[in-house]
Amino acid sequence: MSNLEREEIFSKDYLTIKDLGRLLGLTYQVAAKKMREIKFKTDRLGIQGKIHTEDYFDYFNITDRQRYVSEWKSKKEV
């Protein structure tokens, strides 16, 4: 997966099952199972088939979110 694809996925506030599959290299069925596991731990949206990006970060204990933010976005915020 390229950085551009990753930035495209994380530019949204939520991830779909398809996005999760692309990020983790999983089939749709396995990605759906992983999404249910994430939703069991935390579910900010409460929408079937979608998780908030923060739920993804929390589930995988990702604290350095900077690598998921585009260079353009980082420069704009500064």
Protein backbone atom coordinates (compact mmCIF):
# COMPACT_ATOMS: atom_id res chain seq x y z
CA MET A 1 0.00 0.00 0.00
CA SER A 2 1.34 3.40 -0.95
CA ASN A 3 1.45 6.38 1.36
CA LEU A 4 -1.03 8.13 -0.92
CA GLU A 5 -3.56 5.30 -0.49
CA ARG A 6 -3.04 5.35 3.27
CA GLU A 7 -3.52 9.12 3.40
CA GLU A 8 -6.67 8.79 1.30
CA ILE A 9 -8.14 6.27 3.72
CA PHE A 10 -7.25 8.25 6.85
CA SER A 11 -8.44 11.56 5.39
CA LYS A 12 -11.96 10.45 6.31
CA ASP A 13 -13.35 10.41 9.85
CA TYR A 14 -14.32 6.75 9.55
CA LEU A 15 -13.08 3.46 8.09
CA THR A 16 -15.22 0.95 6.24
CA ILE A 17 -14.71 -2.80 6.16
CA LYS A 18 -13.17 -2.38 2.72
CA ASP A 19 -10.76 0.27 4.05
CA LEU A 20 -9.78 -1.97 6.94
CA GLY A 21 -9.15 -4.83 4.53
CA ARG A 22 -6.93 -2.63 2.37
CA LEU A 23 -4.97 -1.34 5.37
CA LEU A 24 -4.35 -4.74 6.89
CA GLY A 25 -4.25 -6.84 3.71
CA LEU A 26 -7.29 -8.90 4.70
CA THR A 27 -10.17 -10.44 2.80
CA TYR A 28 -13.57 -8.80 3.25
CA GLN A 29 -14.76 -11.52 5.63
CA VAL A 30 -11.68 -11.36 7.84
CA ALA A 31 -11.78 -7.53 7.81
CA ALA A 32 -15.44 -7.65 8.90
CA LYS A 33 -14.49 -9.94 11.79
CA LYS A 34 -11.65 -7.59 12.79
CA MET A 35 -14.06 -4.64 12.66
CA ARG A 36 -16.42 -6.44 15.04
CA GLU A 37 -13.48 -7.01 17.42
CA ILE A 38 -12.63 -3.30 17.27
CA LYS A 39 -16.28 -2.32 17.82
CA PHE A 40 -16.45 -4.64 20.83
CA LYS A 41 -13.64 -2.64 22.45
CA THR A 42 -14.79 0.84 21.40
CA ASP A 43 -17.47 2.15 19.02
CA ARG A 44 -17.75 5.94 18.79
CA LEU A 45 -19.98 5.93 15.70
CA GLY A 46 -22.43 3.14 16.39
CA ILE A 47 -22.89 2.65 12.63
CA GLN A 48 -22.86 -0.82 11.12
CA GLY A 49 -19.89 -1.43 8.83
CA LYS A 50 -17.96 1.68 9.90
CA ILE A 51 -15.60 2.61 12.70
CA HIS A 52 -14.20 5.98 13.67
CA THR A 53 -10.51 6.36 12.85
CA GLU A 54 -9.83 7.05 16.53
CA ASP A 55 -11.29 3.63 17.37
CA TYR A 56 -8.76 2.10 14.96
CA PHE A 57 -5.89 3.98 16.60
CA ASP A 58 -7.09 3.06 20.10
CA TYR A 59 -7.51 -0.63 19.25
CA PHE A 60 -3.99 -0.94 17.87
CA ASN A 61 -2.51 1.38 20.54
CA ILE A 62 -1.20 3.80 17.92
CA THR A 63 -0.09 6.93 19.71
CA ASP A 64 2.04 8.51 16.97
CA ARG A 65 -0.71 9.42 14.52
CA GLN A 66 1.52 11.83 12.60
CA ARG A 67 2.48 9.22 9.99
CA TYR A 68 -1.20 8.87 9.08
CA VAL A 69 -1.61 12.59 8.39
CA SER A 70 -0.65 13.94 4.98
CA GLU A 71 2.30 16.25 4.62
CA TRP A 72 -0.01 18.93 3.23
CA LYS A 73 -2.28 18.72 6.26
CA SER A 74 0.67 18.95 8.65
CA LYS A 75 2.03 22.06 6.93
CA LYS A 76 -1.41 23.68 6.88
CA GLU A 77 -1.85 23.24 10.63
CA VAL A 78 1.55 24.80 11.41
